[in-house]
Every structure is written in C-alpha cells, then in structure tokens.
Amino acid sequence: MDEDALAAALRSGALGGAALDVYEQELLSRESGQRFAGLDNLVRTSLIAGVSVESNQRVSKVTRENVRRVLEDAK
C-alpha cells in the first residue's frame, strides 16, 4: 500500500474513509505517522484485526493443551 497516496486520497475526499491495522513499516514511526495526522476519516489500530472472542478462546485452548503436554512429559 502506498501510504502517501492513501493519505492524499483521504485528505482530498477521493476516498471517504479507511482503516489500517498494518503499515508499510512496523512499528509506525512518528515521522511516518505524521502523514495521517488530523485525518478524521481514518481509523488506526495496533495489530488487532485478528483479535476476537473466538480467537482468544482458541489461543487459550492451545496454550492450555501445550502446558498440559509439557507438564505430563516432565513426569
């Protein structure tokens, strides 16, 4: 994605809105983030697109199973 082009399209109204969860460069630097400053039609999140109740439940289940497996192997 071309972040400069996205910011320009949002500022001009060519694009009505956008939501970003990832960026050209992770972690987003202050300088890179400045291109999006003042854009009320942009929602920015911090790598949470995959977070949901269901995904948290799956992660918890896998973690429990892995811990149980390690503890059983240690016996």
C-alpha atoms as a PDB file:
ATOM      1  CA  MET A   1       0.000   0.000   0.000  1.00  0.00           C
ATOM      2  CA  ASP A   2       1.217   3.483  -0.802  1.00  0.00           C
ATOM      3  CA  GLU A   3       0.621   5.364   2.459  1.00  0.00           C
ATOM      4  CA  ASP A   4       1.322   8.763   0.919  1.00  0.00           C
ATOM      5  CA  ALA A   5      -1.282   8.130  -1.791  1.00  0.00           C
ATOM      6  CA  LEU A   6      -3.760   6.886   0.815  1.00  0.00           C
ATOM      7  CA  ALA A   7      -3.291   9.984   2.966  1.00  0.00           C
ATOM      8  CA  ALA A   8      -3.676  12.241  -0.081  1.00  0.00           C
ATOM      9  CA  ALA A   9      -6.868  10.453  -1.167  1.00  0.00           C
ATOM     10  CA  LEU A  10      -8.319  10.758   2.336  1.00  0.00           C
ATOM     11  CA  ARG A  11      -7.432  14.467   2.546  1.00  0.00           C
ATOM     12  CA  SER A  12      -8.885  15.256  -0.880  1.00  0.00           C
ATOM     13  CA  GLY A  13     -12.081  13.307  -0.292  1.00  0.00           C
ATOM     14  CA  ALA A  14     -11.374  10.947  -3.191  1.00  0.00           C
ATOM     15  CA  LEU A  15     -11.600   8.212  -0.571  1.00  0.00           C
ATOM     16  CA  GLY A  16     -14.278   8.555   2.072  1.00  0.00           C
ATOM     17  CA  GLY A  17     -12.516   6.613   4.793  1.00  0.00           C
ATOM     18  CA  ALA A  18     -10.055   3.887   5.645  1.00  0.00           C
ATOM     19  CA  ALA A  19      -8.981   1.640   8.499  1.00  0.00           C
ATOM     20  CA  LEU A  20      -5.393   0.489   8.935  1.00  0.00           C
ATOM     21  CA  ASP A  21      -4.084  -2.308  11.116  1.00  0.00           C
ATOM     22  CA  VAL A  22      -0.676  -2.681   9.452  1.00  0.00           C
ATOM     23  CA  TYR A  23       1.667  -0.187   7.862  1.00  0.00           C
ATOM     24  CA  GLU A  24       4.445  -0.089   5.287  1.00  0.00           C
ATOM     25  CA  GLN A  25       6.939  -0.054   8.142  1.00  0.00           C
ATOM     26  CA  GLU A  26       6.239  -1.632  11.523  1.00  0.00           C
ATOM     27  CA  LEU A  27       6.436  -0.117  14.131  1.00  0.00           C
ATOM     28  CA  LEU A  28       4.952   3.074  12.791  1.00  0.00           C
ATOM     29  CA  SER A  29       7.484   5.859  13.356  1.00  0.00           C
ATOM     30  CA  ARG A  30       6.466   9.330  14.452  1.00  0.00           C
ATOM     31  CA  GLU A  31       7.531  10.677  11.063  1.00  0.00           C
ATOM     32  CA  SER A  32       5.515   8.050   9.181  1.00  0.00           C
ATOM     33  CA  GLY A  33       2.519   8.608  11.427  1.00  0.00           C
ATOM     34  CA  GLN A  34       2.542  12.346  10.702  1.00  0.00           C
ATOM     35  CA  ARG A  35       1.211  11.732   7.186  1.00  0.00           C
ATOM     36  CA  PHE A  36      -2.033  10.587   8.826  1.00  0.00           C
ATOM     37  CA  ALA A  37      -2.281  13.405  11.376  1.00  0.00           C
ATOM     38  CA  GLY A  38      -5.626  15.166  11.502  1.00  0.00           C
ATOM     39  CA  LEU A  39      -7.481  12.642   9.348  1.00  0.00           C
ATOM     40  CA  ASP A  40     -10.853  12.127  10.993  1.00  0.00           C
ATOM     41  CA  ASN A  41     -11.797   9.677   8.241  1.00  0.00           C
ATOM     42  CA  LEU A  42      -9.038   7.225   9.197  1.00  0.00           C
ATOM     43  CA  VAL A  43      -9.193   4.590  11.924  1.00  0.00           C
ATOM     44  CA  ARG A  44      -5.818   3.267  13.043  1.00  0.00           C
ATOM     45  CA  THR A  45      -5.372   0.229  15.234  1.00  0.00           C
ATOM     46  CA  SER A  46      -2.356  -1.593  16.511  1.00  0.00           C
ATOM     47  CA  LEU A  47      -2.292  -5.076  15.003  1.00  0.00           C
ATOM     48  CA  ILE A  48      -5.629  -6.137  16.452  1.00  0.00           C
ATOM     49  CA  ALA A  49      -7.522  -7.138  13.318  1.00  0.00           C
ATOM     50  CA  GLY A  50      -7.372 -10.807  14.256  1.00  0.00           C
ATOM     51  CA  VAL A  51      -8.423 -10.307  17.867  1.00  0.00           C
ATOM     52  CA  SER A  52     -11.868 -11.609  18.695  1.00  0.00           C
ATOM     53  CA  VAL A  53     -13.551 -13.593  21.433  1.00  0.00           C
ATOM     54  CA  GLU A  54     -13.228 -16.698  19.270  1.00  0.00           C
ATOM     55  CA  SER A  55      -9.540 -16.202  18.512  1.00  0.00           C
ATOM     56  CA  ASN A  56      -8.787 -15.574  22.188  1.00  0.00           C
ATOM     57  CA  GLN A  57     -10.625 -18.770  23.118  1.00  0.00           C
ATOM     58  CA  ARG A  58      -8.628 -20.754  20.533  1.00  0.00           C
ATOM     59  CA  VAL A  59      -5.332 -19.301  21.772  1.00  0.00           C
ATOM     60  CA  SER A  60      -6.281 -20.104  25.380  1.00  0.00           C
ATOM     61  CA  LYS A  61      -7.204 -23.671  24.461  1.00  0.00           C
ATOM     62  CA  VAL A  62      -3.959 -24.283  22.559  1.00  0.00           C
ATOM     63  CA  THR A  63      -1.951 -22.749  25.412  1.00  0.00           C
ATOM     64  CA  ARG A  64      -3.664 -24.996  27.988  1.00  0.00           C
ATOM     65  CA  GLU A  65      -3.040 -28.062  25.839  1.00  0.00           C
ATOM     66  CA  ASN A  66       0.626 -27.163  25.358  1.00  0.00           C
ATOM     67  CA  VAL A  67       1.174 -26.531  29.071  1.00  0.00           C
ATOM     68  CA  ARG A  68      -0.575 -29.798  29.965  1.00  0.00           C
ATOM     69  CA  ARG A  69       1.569 -31.689  27.414  1.00  0.00           C
ATOM     70  CA  VAL A  70       4.801 -30.211  28.797  1.00  0.00           C
ATOM     71  CA  LEU A  71       3.815 -30.995  32.391  1.00  0.00           C
ATOM     72  CA  GLU A  72       2.875 -34.568  31.503  1.00  0.00           C
ATOM     73  CA  ASP A  73       6.170 -35.077  29.657  1.00  0.00           C
ATOM     74  CA  ALA A  74       8.055 -33.811  32.733  1.00  0.00           C
ATOM     75  CA  LYS A  75       6.656 -36.605  34.929  1.00  0.00           C
END
